Amino acid sequence: MKTLTLQLPDSLDMDERQLAMLVAARLYEKGELSLGQAAEVAGLTKRTFAESLGKYGVSIFNYPASDLAQDFKNA
């Protein structure tokens, strides 16, 4: 796993865990990371990560609308 060092302004009121969760949530939302990978980046279990996604405006159902429409047709 890669390690990244960032310099953030002191005015940013976030600790390392919050920042890791924010990055993991956005990468999960974009489909760049699986739920398990994103949870690992955030330092959380899959369950805790999934439960926390809503606080970051990210749905656990990371599923394109086009796929949902196709699934509906196949049901």
PDB file of N, CA and C in Angstrom:
ATOM      1  N   MET A   1       0.849  -1.172   0.000  1.00  0.00           N
ATOM      2  CA  MET A   1       0.000   0.000   0.000  1.00  0.00           C
ATOM      3  C   MET A   1       0.897   1.239   0.000  1.00  0.00           C
ATOM      4  N   LYS A   2       0.508   2.249  -0.737  1.00  0.00           N
ATOM      5  CA  LYS A   2       1.263   3.494  -0.816  1.00  0.00           C
ATOM      6  C   LYS A   2       1.019   4.350   0.420  1.00  0.00           C
ATOM      7  N   THR A   3       2.007   5.131   0.766  1.00  0.00           N
ATOM      8  CA  THR A   3       1.889   6.098   1.856  1.00  0.00           C
ATOM      9  C   THR A   3       1.986   7.482   1.258  1.00  0.00           C
ATOM     10  N   LEU A   4       1.124   8.368   1.711  1.00  0.00           N
ATOM     11  CA  LEU A   4       1.072   9.730   1.195  1.00  0.00           C
ATOM     12  C   LEU A   4       1.225  10.699   2.356  1.00  0.00           C
ATOM     13  N   THR A   5       2.070  11.690   2.182  1.00  0.00           N
ATOM     14  CA  THR A   5       2.252  12.729   3.186  1.00  0.00           C
ATOM     15  C   THR A   5       1.738  14.037   2.609  1.00  0.00           C
ATOM     16  N   LEU A   6       0.849  14.683   3.352  1.00  0.00           N
ATOM     17  CA  LEU A   6       0.271  15.955   2.907  1.00  0.00           C
ATOM     18  C   LEU A   6       0.540  17.042   3.924  1.00  0.00           C
ATOM     19  N   GLN A   7       0.706  18.236   3.445  1.00  0.00           N
ATOM     20  CA  GLN A   7       0.795  19.392   4.320  1.00  0.00           C
ATOM     21  C   GLN A   7      -0.520  20.151   4.187  1.00  0.00           C
ATOM     22  N   LEU A   8      -1.243  20.243   5.293  1.00  0.00           N
ATOM     23  CA  LEU A   8      -2.537  20.904   5.301  1.00  0.00           C
ATOM     24  C   LEU A   8      -2.487  22.143   6.178  1.00  0.00           C
ATOM     25  N   PRO A   9      -3.265  23.148   5.839  1.00  0.00           N
ATOM     26  CA  PRO A   9      -3.274  24.353   6.671  1.00  0.00           C
ATOM     27  C   PRO A   9      -3.799  24.041   8.073  1.00  0.00           C
ATOM     28  N   ASP A  10      -3.278  24.739   9.054  1.00  0.00           N
ATOM     29  CA  ASP A  10      -3.720  24.552  10.435  1.00  0.00           C
ATOM     30  C   ASP A  10      -5.200  24.881  10.604  1.00  0.00           C
ATOM     31  N   SER A  11      -5.720  25.701   9.724  1.00  0.00           N
ATOM     32  CA  SER A  11      -7.129  26.098   9.824  1.00  0.00           C
ATOM     33  C   SER A  11      -8.083  24.960   9.463  1.00  0.00           C
ATOM     34  N   LEU A  12      -7.573  23.927   8.818  1.00  0.00           N
ATOM     35  CA  LEU A  12      -8.413  22.776   8.469  1.00  0.00           C
ATOM     36  C   LEU A  12      -8.632  21.950   9.725  1.00  0.00           C
ATOM     37  N   ASP A  13      -9.855  21.902  10.162  1.00  0.00           N
ATOM     38  CA  ASP A  13     -10.182  21.240  11.423  1.00  0.00           C
ATOM     39  C   ASP A  13     -10.546  19.772  11.189  1.00  0.00           C
ATOM     40  N   MET A  14      -9.559  18.986  10.729  1.00  0.00           N
ATOM     41  CA  MET A  14      -9.749  17.561  10.490  1.00  0.00           C
ATOM     42  C   MET A  14      -8.534  16.823  11.018  1.00  0.00           C
ATOM     43  N   ASP A  15      -8.788  15.669  11.643  1.00  0.00           N
ATOM     44  CA  ASP A  15      -7.654  14.853  12.053  1.00  0.00           C
ATOM     45  C   ASP A  15      -7.351  13.830  10.956  1.00  0.00           C
ATOM     46  N   GLU A  16      -6.318  13.041  11.148  1.00  0.00           N
ATOM     47  CA  GLU A  16      -5.886  12.085  10.124  1.00  0.00           C
ATOM     48  C   GLU A  16      -6.966  11.063   9.792  1.00  0.00           C
ATOM     49  N   ARG A  17      -7.688  10.605  10.794  1.00  0.00           N
ATOM     50  CA  ARG A  17      -8.738   9.596  10.557  1.00  0.00           C
ATOM     51  C   ARG A  17      -9.875  10.169   9.712  1.00  0.00           C
ATOM     52  N   GLN A  18     -10.264  11.405  10.008  1.00  0.00           N
ATOM     53  CA  GLN A  18     -11.333  12.040   9.233  1.00  0.00           C
ATOM     54  C   GLN A  18     -10.902  12.241   7.785  1.00  0.00           C
ATOM     55  N   LEU A  19      -9.677  12.648   7.594  1.00  0.00           N
ATOM     56  CA  LEU A  19      -9.158  12.865   6.241  1.00  0.00           C
ATOM     57  C   LEU A  19      -9.066  11.541   5.478  1.00  0.00           C
ATOM     58  N   ALA A  20      -8.619  10.495   6.153  1.00  0.00           N
ATOM     59  CA  ALA A  20      -8.545   9.177   5.519  1.00  0.00           C
ATOM     60  C   ALA A  20      -9.940   8.703   5.127  1.00  0.00           C
ATOM     61  N   MET A  21     -10.926   8.950   5.985  1.00  0.00           N
ATOM     62  CA  MET A  21     -12.303   8.551   5.680  1.00  0.00           C
ATOM     63  C   MET A  21     -12.843   9.334   4.489  1.00  0.00           C
ATOM     64  N   LEU A  22     -12.549  10.622   4.441  1.00  0.00           N
ATOM     65  CA  LEU A  22     -13.003  11.450   3.327  1.00  0.00           C
ATOM     66  C   LEU A  22     -12.433  10.966   2.003  1.00  0.00           C
ATOM     67  N   VAL A  23     -11.150  10.691   1.983  1.00  0.00           N
ATOM     68  CA  VAL A  23     -10.494  10.203   0.763  1.00  0.00           C
ATOM     69  C   VAL A  23     -11.056   8.836   0.378  1.00  0.00           C
ATOM     70  N   ALA A  24     -11.175   7.943   1.341  1.00  0.00           N
ATOM     71  CA  ALA A  24     -11.690   6.601   1.066  1.00  0.00           C
ATOM     72  C   ALA A  24     -13.128   6.651   0.552  1.00  0.00           C
ATOM     73  N   ALA A  25     -13.955   7.498   1.156  1.00  0.00           N
ATOM     74  CA  ALA A  25     -15.355   7.610   0.742  1.00  0.00           C
ATOM     75  C   ALA A  25     -15.463   8.108  -0.695  1.00  0.00           C
ATOM     76  N   ARG A  26     -14.671   9.103  -1.041  1.00  0.00           N
ATOM     77  CA  ARG A  26     -14.731   9.649  -2.403  1.00  0.00           C
ATOM     78  C   ARG A  26     -14.200   8.644  -3.435  1.00  0.00           C
ATOM     79  N   LEU A  27     -13.143   7.937  -3.089  1.00  0.00           N
ATOM     80  CA  LEU A  27     -12.625   6.932  -4.020  1.00  0.00           C
ATOM     81  C   LEU A  27     -13.598   5.774  -4.181  1.00  0.00           C
ATOM     82  N   TYR A  28     -14.300   5.416  -3.113  1.00  0.00           N
ATOM     83  CA  TYR A  28     -15.334   4.390  -3.204  1.00  0.00           C
ATOM     84  C   TYR A  28     -16.480   4.882  -4.088  1.00  0.00           C
ATOM     85  N   GLU A  29     -16.890   6.120  -3.870  1.00  0.00           N
ATOM     86  CA  GLU A  29     -17.981   6.707  -4.646  1.00  0.00           C
ATOM     87  C   GLU A  29     -17.654   6.722  -6.144  1.00  0.00           C
ATOM     88  N   LYS A  30     -16.404   6.997  -6.486  1.00  0.00           N
ATOM     89  CA  LYS A  30     -15.974   7.040  -7.886  1.00  0.00           C
ATOM     90  C   LYS A  30     -15.772   5.644  -8.473  1.00  0.00           C
ATOM     91  N   GLY A  31     -15.818   4.626  -7.633  1.00  0.00           N
ATOM     92  CA  GLY A  31     -15.612   3.268  -8.117  1.00  0.00           C
ATOM     93  C   GLY A  31     -14.148   2.889  -8.235  1.00  0.00           C
ATOM     94  N   GLU A  32     -13.268   3.701  -7.675  1.00  0.00           N
ATOM     95  CA  GLU A  32     -11.835   3.435  -7.732  1.00  0.00           C
ATOM     96  C   GLU A  32     -11.414   2.368  -6.718  1.00  0.00           C
ATOM     97  N   LEU A  33     -12.164   2.270  -5.613  1.00  0.00           N
ATOM     98  CA  LEU A  33     -11.882   1.289  -4.565  1.00  0.00           C
ATOM     99  C   LEU A  33     -13.132   0.477  -4.269  1.00  0.00           C
ATOM    100  N   SER A  34     -12.929  -0.779  -3.935  1.00  0.00           N
ATOM    101  CA  SER A  34     -14.043  -1.605  -3.469  1.00  0.00           C
ATOM    102  C   SER A  34     -14.375  -1.190  -2.036  1.00  0.00           C
ATOM    103  N   LEU A  35     -15.464  -1.700  -1.508  1.00  0.00           N
ATOM    104  CA  LEU A  35     -15.847  -1.393  -0.139  1.00  0.00           C
ATOM    105  C   LEU A  35     -14.746  -1.823   0.829  1.00  0.00           C
ATOM    106  N   GLY A  36     -14.204  -3.021   0.633  1.00  0.00           N
ATOM    107  CA  GLY A  36     -13.153  -3.528   1.503  1.00  0.00           C
ATOM    108  C   GLY A  36     -11.879  -2.705   1.425  1.00  0.00           C
ATOM    109  N   GLN A  37     -11.499  -2.322   0.203  1.00  0.00           N
ATOM    110  CA  GLN A  37     -10.290  -1.509   0.028  1.00  0.00           C
ATOM    111  C   GLN A  37     -10.469  -0.137   0.680  1.00  0.00           C
ATOM    112  N   ALA A  38     -11.628   0.460   0.470  1.00  0.00           N
ATOM    113  CA  ALA A  38     -11.893   1.778   1.042  1.00  0.00           C
ATOM    114  C   ALA A  38     -11.913   1.711   2.567  1.00  0.00           C
ATOM    115  N   ALA A  39     -12.494   0.654   3.109  1.00  0.00           N
ATOM    116  CA  ALA A  39     -12.512   0.482   4.560  1.00  0.00           C
ATOM    117  C   ALA A  39     -11.093   0.379   5.103  1.00  0.00           C
ATOM    118  N   GLU A  40     -10.241  -0.334   4.384  1.00  0.00           N
ATOM    119  CA  GLU A  40      -8.845  -0.477   4.804  1.00  0.00           C
ATOM    120  C   GLU A  40      -8.128   0.870   4.786  1.00  0.00           C
ATOM    121  N   VAL A  41      -8.350   1.668   3.734  1.00  0.00           N
ATOM    122  CA  VAL A  41      -7.742   2.999   3.660  1.00  0.00           C
ATOM    123  C   VAL A  41      -8.204   3.857   4.840  1.00  0.00           C
ATOM    124  N   ALA A  42      -9.472   3.745   5.192  1.00  0.00           N
ATOM    125  CA  ALA A  42     -10.025   4.534   6.292  1.00  0.00           C
ATOM    126  C   ALA A  42      -9.631   3.982   7.659  1.00  0.00           C
ATOM    127  N   GLY A  43      -9.082   2.771   7.688  1.00  0.00           N
ATOM    128  CA  GLY A  43      -8.708   2.159   8.956  1.00  0.00           C
ATOM    129  C   GLY A  43      -9.893   1.645   9.736  1.00  0.00           C
ATOM    130  N   LEU A  44     -10.943   1.234   9.013  1.00  0.00           N
ATOM    131  CA  LEU A  44     -12.181   0.771   9.635  1.00  0.00           C
ATOM    132  C   LEU A  44     -12.536  -0.619   9.140  1.00  0.00           C
ATOM    133  N   THR A  45     -13.451  -1.274   9.843  1.00  0.00           N
ATOM    134  CA  THR A  45     -14.010  -2.517   9.334  1.00  0.00           C
ATOM    135  C   THR A  45     -14.952  -2.171   8.187  1.00  0.00           C
ATOM    136  N   LYS A  46     -15.265  -3.157   7.377  1.00  0.00           N
ATOM    137  CA  LYS A  46     -16.205  -2.903   6.265  1.00  0.00           C
ATOM    138  C   LYS A  46     -17.538  -2.402   6.800  1.00  0.00           C
ATOM    139  N   ARG A  47     -18.011  -3.014   7.866  1.00  0.00           N
ATOM    140  CA  ARG A  47     -19.310  -2.627   8.425  1.00  0.00           C
ATOM    141  C   ARG A  47     -19.287  -1.176   8.907  1.00  0.00           C
ATOM    142  N   THR A  48     -18.271  -0.819   9.668  1.00  0.00           N
ATOM    143  CA  THR A  48     -18.184   0.545  10.192  1.00  0.00           C
ATOM    144  C   THR A  48     -18.036   1.548   9.058  1.00  0.00           C
ATOM    145  N   PHE A  49     -17.225   1.204   8.063  1.00  0.00           N
ATOM    146  CA  PHE A  49     -17.061   2.094   6.915  1.00  0.00           C
ATOM    147  C   PHE A  49     -18.402   2.282   6.201  1.00  0.00           C
ATOM    148  N   ALA A  50     -19.092   1.184   5.945  1.00  0.00           N
ATOM    149  CA  ALA A  50     -20.386   1.256   5.255  1.00  0.00           C
ATOM    150  C   ALA A  50     -21.379   2.111   6.041  1.00  0.00           C
ATOM    151  N   GLU A  51     -21.382   1.952   7.357  1.00  0.00           N
ATOM    152  CA  GLU A  51     -22.297   2.733   8.194  1.00  0.00           C
ATOM    153  C   GLU A  51     -21.926   4.208   8.221  1.00  0.00           C
ATOM    154  N   SER A  52     -20.675   4.530   7.961  1.00  0.00           N
ATOM    155  CA  SER A  52     -20.195   5.913   8.014  1.00  0.00           C
ATOM    156  C   SER A  52     -20.348   6.662   6.697  1.00  0.00           C
ATOM    157  N   LEU A  53     -20.600   5.962   5.612  1.00  0.00           N
ATOM    158  CA  LEU A  53     -20.652   6.605   4.296  1.00  0.00           C
ATOM    159  C   LEU A  53     -21.685   7.723   4.212  1.00  0.00           C
ATOM    160  N   GLY A  54     -22.821   7.545   4.845  1.00  0.00           N
ATOM    161  CA  GLY A  54     -23.879   8.556   4.793  1.00  0.00           C
ATOM    162  C   GLY A  54     -23.439   9.907   5.324  1.00  0.00           C
ATOM    163  N   LYS A  55     -22.547   9.909   6.305  1.00  0.00           N
ATOM    164  CA  LYS A  55     -22.050  11.163   6.870  1.00  0.00           C
ATOM    165  C   LYS A  55     -21.246  11.957   5.844  1.00  0.00           C
ATOM    166  N   TYR A  56     -20.788  11.278   4.807  1.00  0.00           N
ATOM    167  CA  TYR A  56     -19.985  11.907   3.762  1.00  0.00           C
ATOM    168  C   TYR A  56     -20.772  12.059   2.463  1.00  0.00           C
ATOM    169  N   GLY A  57     -22.083  11.833   2.540  1.00  0.00           N
ATOM    170  CA  GLY A  57     -22.940  12.006   1.369  1.00  0.00           C
ATOM    171  C   GLY A  57     -22.741  10.954   0.297  1.00  0.00           C
ATOM    172  N   VAL A  58     -22.271   9.762   0.696  1.00  0.00           N
ATOM    173  CA  VAL A  58     -21.995   8.685  -0.251  1.00  0.00           C
ATOM    174  C   VAL A  58     -22.925   7.517   0.047  1.00  0.00           C
ATOM    175  N   SER A  59     -23.584   7.014  -0.973  1.00  0.00           N
ATOM    176  CA  SER A  59     -24.460   5.858  -0.821  1.00  0.00           C
ATOM    177  C   SER A  59     -23.644   4.578  -0.847  1.00  0.00           C
ATOM    178  N   ILE A  60     -24.024   3.638  -0.013  1.00  0.00           N
ATOM    179  CA  ILE A  60     -23.358   2.332  -0.039  1.00  0.00           C
ATOM    180  C   ILE A  60     -23.679   1.602  -1.334  1.00  0.00           C
ATOM    181  N   PHE A  61     -24.800   1.933  -1.927  1.00  0.00           N
ATOM    182  CA  PHE A  61     -25.211   1.314  -3.185  1.00  0.00           C
ATOM    183  C   PHE A  61     -24.559   2.068  -4.331  1.00  0.00           C
ATOM    184  N   ASN A  62     -23.315   1.788  -4.534  1.00  0.00           N
ATOM    185  CA  ASN A  62     -22.511   2.446  -5.557  1.00  0.00           C
ATOM    186  C   ASN A  62     -22.780   1.744  -6.882  1.00  0.00           C
ATOM    187  N   TYR A  63     -23.905   2.048  -7.466  1.00  0.00           N
ATOM    188  CA  TYR A  63     -24.430   1.296  -8.588  1.00  0.00           C
ATOM    189  C   TYR A  63     -24.945   2.278  -9.630  1.00  0.00           C
ATOM    190  N   PRO A  64     -24.467   2.262 -10.843  1.00  0.00           N
ATOM    191  CA  PRO A  64     -24.941   3.205 -11.861  1.00  0.00           C
ATOM    192  C   PRO A  64     -26.435   3.015 -12.168  1.00  0.00           C
ATOM    193  N   ALA A  65     -27.108   4.108 -12.449  1.00  0.00           N
ATOM    194  CA  ALA A  65     -28.539   4.056 -12.745  1.00  0.00           C
ATOM    195  C   ALA A  65     -28.830   3.168 -13.941  1.00  0.00           C
ATOM    196  N   SER A  66     -27.952   3.154 -14.925  1.00  0.00           N
ATOM    197  CA  SER A  66     -28.167   2.314 -16.103  1.00  0.00           C
ATOM    198  C   SER A  66     -28.196   0.834 -15.721  1.00  0.00           C
ATOM    199  N   ASP A  67     -27.360   0.434 -14.780  1.00  0.00           N
ATOM    200  CA  ASP A  67     -27.360  -0.953 -14.322  1.00  0.00           C
ATOM    201  C   ASP A  67     -28.639  -1.279 -13.566  1.00  0.00           C
ATOM    202  N   LEU A  68     -29.129  -0.317 -12.786  1.00  0.00           N
ATOM    203  CA  LEU A  68     -30.375  -0.539 -12.052  1.00  0.00           C
ATOM    204  C   LEU A  68     -31.542  -0.749 -13.017  1.00  0.00           C
ATOM    205  N   ALA A  69     -31.589   0.050 -14.072  1.00  0.00           N
ATOM    206  CA  ALA A  69     -32.656  -0.082 -15.056  1.00  0.00           C
ATOM    207  C   ALA A  69     -32.592  -1.457 -15.717  1.00  0.00           C
ATOM    208  N   GLN A  70     -31.407  -1.913 -16.036  1.00  0.00           N
ATOM    209  CA  GLN A  70     -31.244  -3.234 -16.651  1.00  0.00           C
ATOM    210  C   GLN A  70     -31.659  -4.336 -15.687  1.00  0.00           C
ATOM    211  N   ASP A  71     -31.281  -4.214 -14.419  1.00  0.00           N
ATOM    212  CA  ASP A  71     -31.682  -5.201 -13.412  1.00  0.00           C
ATOM    213  C   ASP A  71     -33.193  -5.234 -13.260  1.00  0.00           C
ATOM    214  N   PHE A  72     -33.828  -4.072 -13.330  1.00  0.00           N
ATOM    215  CA  PHE A  72     -35.276  -4.010 -13.215  1.00  0.00           C
ATOM    216  C   PHE A  72     -35.936  -4.756 -14.378  1.00  0.00           C
ATOM    217  N   LYS A  73     -35.398  -4.597 -15.583  1.00  0.00           N
ATOM    218  CA  LYS A  73     -35.927  -5.295 -16.749  1.00  0.00           C
ATOM    219  C   LYS A  73     -35.771  -6.796 -16.612  1.00  0.00           C
ATOM    220  N   ASN A  74     -34.664  -7.222 -15.999  1.00  0.00           N
ATOM    221  CA  ASN A  74     -34.392  -8.657 -15.850  1.00  0.00           C
ATOM    222  C   ASN A  74     -35.147  -9.302 -14.711  1.00  0.00           C
ATOM    223  N   ALA A  75     -35.749  -8.508 -13.850  1.00  0.00           N
ATOM    224  CA  ALA A  75     -36.438  -9.065 -12.668  1.00  0.00           C
ATOM    225  C   ALA A  75     -37.759  -9.718 -13.022  1.00  0.00           C
TER     226      ALA A  75
END
